[in-house]
């Protein structure tokens, strides 16, 4: 069985086309109270390094380009 068979998803996704972390932006990382976001220095894009999201949304609200999206599970809405 291939690892690709197991699709994983995280609540915080970052649109690499919109992310300006390569220009020095760290707004989403700085606003996360749990410190779960980081900047991938090789790609210059923010990402969720582990899934401990509280769905508090400052990362999404503070992103100047709208690159960050938080997917809140149906049962928490």
Protein backbone atom coordinates (compact mmCIF):
# COMPACT_ATOMS: atom_id res chain seq x y z
CA UNK A 1 0.00 0.00 0.00
CA UNK A 2 1.39 3.39 -0.97
CA UNK A 3 1.57 6.32 1.40
CA UNK A 4 -0.31 8.36 -1.20
CA UNK A 5 -3.32 6.17 -0.43
CA UNK A 6 -3.68 7.91 2.91
CA UNK A 7 -4.81 11.46 2.20
CA UNK A 8 -4.11 13.83 5.03
CA UNK A 9 -5.52 17.24 5.59
CA UNK A 10 -4.75 20.03 8.00
CA UNK A 11 -7.10 22.81 9.07
CA UNK A 12 -4.77 25.61 7.97
CA UNK A 13 -3.77 25.75 4.33
CA UNK A 14 -1.65 28.33 2.57
CA UNK A 15 -1.99 29.29 -1.08
CA UNK A 16 1.62 29.32 -2.27
CA UNK A 17 0.72 31.66 -5.15
CA UNK A 18 -0.49 34.33 -2.72
CA UNK A 19 1.94 33.79 0.18
CA UNK A 20 4.63 36.46 0.46
CA UNK A 21 6.74 34.79 3.15
CA UNK A 22 9.63 34.86 0.67
CA UNK A 23 9.46 38.67 0.93
CA UNK A 24 9.75 38.57 4.72
CA UNK A 25 6.10 38.33 5.76
CA UNK A 26 5.50 36.35 8.96
CA UNK A 27 2.04 37.70 9.89
CA UNK A 28 0.36 34.30 10.18
CA UNK A 29 3.23 32.76 12.13
CA UNK A 30 3.37 35.73 14.51
CA UNK A 31 -0.37 35.74 15.18
CA UNK A 32 -0.77 32.02 15.98
CA UNK A 33 -1.05 31.56 19.76
CA UNK A 34 -0.05 27.90 19.49
CA UNK A 35 2.97 28.44 17.27
CA UNK A 36 1.84 25.74 14.84
CA UNK A 37 2.71 27.69 11.69
CA UNK A 38 6.19 28.10 10.27
CA UNK A 39 7.92 29.38 7.18
CA UNK A 40 9.44 26.84 4.80
CA UNK A 41 12.70 28.63 4.05
CA UNK A 42 13.43 26.52 0.98
CA UNK A 43 10.12 27.39 -0.69
CA UNK A 44 9.41 30.75 0.96
CA UNK A 45 5.90 29.73 1.98
CA UNK A 46 4.13 29.39 5.32
CA UNK A 47 2.82 25.97 6.32
CA UNK A 48 1.21 24.17 9.24
CA UNK A 49 3.96 22.15 10.90
CA UNK A 50 1.68 20.19 13.22
CA UNK A 51 -2.05 19.86 13.69
CA UNK A 52 -2.94 21.48 17.00
CA UNK A 53 -5.17 24.23 15.64
CA UNK A 54 -7.71 25.95 17.92
CA UNK A 55 -9.53 27.46 14.89
CA UNK A 56 -9.13 30.91 16.43
CA UNK A 57 -8.57 32.51 12.97
CA UNK A 58 -5.99 35.30 13.57
CA UNK A 59 -3.66 33.66 11.04
CA UNK A 60 -6.37 33.94 8.38
CA UNK A 61 -7.46 37.44 9.46
CA UNK A 62 -3.91 38.84 9.66
CA UNK A 63 -2.68 37.51 6.32
CA UNK A 64 -2.24 40.58 4.10
CA UNK A 65 -2.76 38.66 0.85
CA UNK A 66 -5.52 36.23 1.85
CA UNK A 67 -3.22 33.25 1.36
CA UNK A 68 -4.17 31.57 4.64
CA UNK A 69 -7.42 29.62 4.94
CA UNK A 70 -8.71 27.88 8.06
CA UNK A 71 -11.12 25.02 7.50
CA UNK A 72 -13.32 24.72 10.57
CA UNK A 73 -14.86 21.26 11.01
CA UNK A 74 -18.63 21.11 10.64
CA UNK A 75 -19.21 20.11 14.26
CA UNK A 76 -17.32 23.16 15.55
CA UNK A 77 -19.12 25.78 13.45
